[in-house]
């Protein structure tokens, strides 16, 4: 991919995610697709394309048990510093 085009790709992905959310879809950008470009190309029957990321697109199911899972997080004070 030519130098500088990563910015274009990032902007496209950002706007795609925002537009999809505006239309009522839930999205999740998945950069891990770029770690396995040969597998992605084979599964999707693609040739000569750069794999930058995948995007999951669907509808939210807020009642699904997985959506109530929460991980422990450090308190904000542990990793921020406020200046006045």
Protein backbone atom coordinates (compact mmCIF):
# COMPACT_ATOMS: atom_id res chain seq x y z
CA UNK A 1 0.00 0.00 0.00
CA UNK A 2 1.49 3.38 -0.96
CA UNK A 3 2.81 5.67 1.76
CA UNK A 4 0.12 8.03 3.00
CA UNK A 5 -2.79 5.84 2.00
CA UNK A 6 -3.07 4.44 5.54
CA UNK A 7 -4.59 7.75 6.56
CA UNK A 8 -7.19 7.46 3.79
CA UNK A 9 -8.01 3.90 4.85
CA UNK A 10 -8.33 4.93 8.49
CA UNK A 11 -10.65 7.79 7.62
CA UNK A 12 -12.77 5.52 5.45
CA UNK A 13 -13.07 2.93 8.23
CA UNK A 14 -13.96 5.61 10.78
CA UNK A 15 -16.69 7.07 8.55
CA UNK A 16 -18.03 3.61 7.67
CA UNK A 17 -18.36 2.76 11.39
CA UNK A 18 -20.05 6.08 12.16
CA UNK A 19 -22.48 5.76 9.23
CA UNK A 20 -23.35 2.17 10.15
CA UNK A 21 -24.05 3.18 13.76
CA UNK A 22 -26.25 6.01 12.49
CA UNK A 23 -28.25 3.44 10.50
CA UNK A 24 -28.79 1.34 13.63
CA UNK A 25 -26.04 -1.22 13.20
CA UNK A 26 -23.42 -2.20 15.75
CA UNK A 27 -19.85 -2.38 14.49
CA UNK A 28 -16.44 -3.55 15.60
CA UNK A 29 -13.25 -2.87 13.65
CA UNK A 30 -10.95 -5.89 13.81
CA UNK A 31 -7.34 -5.08 12.98
CA UNK A 32 -6.37 -8.71 13.66
CA UNK A 33 -7.51 -9.54 10.09
CA UNK A 34 -4.33 -7.82 8.90
CA UNK A 35 -2.26 -10.40 10.83
CA UNK A 36 -3.61 -13.22 8.64
CA UNK A 37 -3.95 -11.74 5.13
CA UNK A 38 -3.37 -15.03 3.30
CA UNK A 39 -6.13 -16.76 5.26
CA UNK A 40 -8.57 -13.89 4.71
CA UNK A 41 -7.80 -13.80 0.98
CA UNK A 42 -8.30 -17.57 0.70
CA UNK A 43 -11.59 -17.64 2.62
CA UNK A 44 -13.01 -14.67 0.71
CA UNK A 45 -11.52 -15.69 -2.66
CA UNK A 46 -9.67 -12.40 -2.99
CA UNK A 47 -6.57 -11.76 -5.04
CA UNK A 48 -4.08 -8.89 -5.02
CA UNK A 49 -5.73 -6.85 -2.26
CA UNK A 50 -4.20 -5.46 0.90
CA UNK A 51 -5.96 -6.59 4.06
CA UNK A 52 -6.04 -3.73 6.55
CA UNK A 53 -8.83 -4.79 8.88
CA UNK A 54 -12.18 -6.49 9.06
CA UNK A 55 -15.40 -4.95 10.30
CA UNK A 56 -18.07 -6.87 12.18
CA UNK A 57 -21.50 -5.50 11.33
CA UNK A 58 -24.77 -6.51 12.90
CA UNK A 59 -27.43 -5.66 15.44
CA UNK A 60 -26.92 -5.18 19.17
CA UNK A 61 -28.33 -7.75 21.56
CA UNK A 62 -28.04 -5.93 24.86
CA UNK A 63 -29.86 -8.76 26.65
CA UNK A 64 -27.27 -11.40 25.74
CA UNK A 65 -25.31 -12.52 28.84
CA UNK A 66 -21.95 -11.70 27.22
CA UNK A 67 -22.94 -8.04 27.09
CA UNK A 68 -23.13 -7.87 30.88
CA UNK A 69 -19.55 -9.12 31.34
CA UNK A 70 -17.25 -6.48 32.78
CA UNK A 71 -13.54 -6.66 33.41
CA UNK A 72 -11.80 -5.07 36.35
CA UNK A 73 -10.31 -1.71 35.57
CA UNK A 74 -7.85 0.48 37.35
CA UNK A 75 -9.30 3.58 38.91
CA UNK A 76 -8.85 6.69 36.79
CA UNK A 77 -6.47 8.14 39.36
CA UNK A 78 -3.98 5.30 38.74
CA UNK A 79 -3.19 6.33 35.17
CA UNK A 80 -4.06 10.00 34.80
CA UNK A 81 -2.61 13.20 36.09
CA UNK A 82 -4.61 16.42 36.18
CA UNK A 83 -3.00 19.85 35.81
CA UNK A 84 -4.61 23.14 36.65
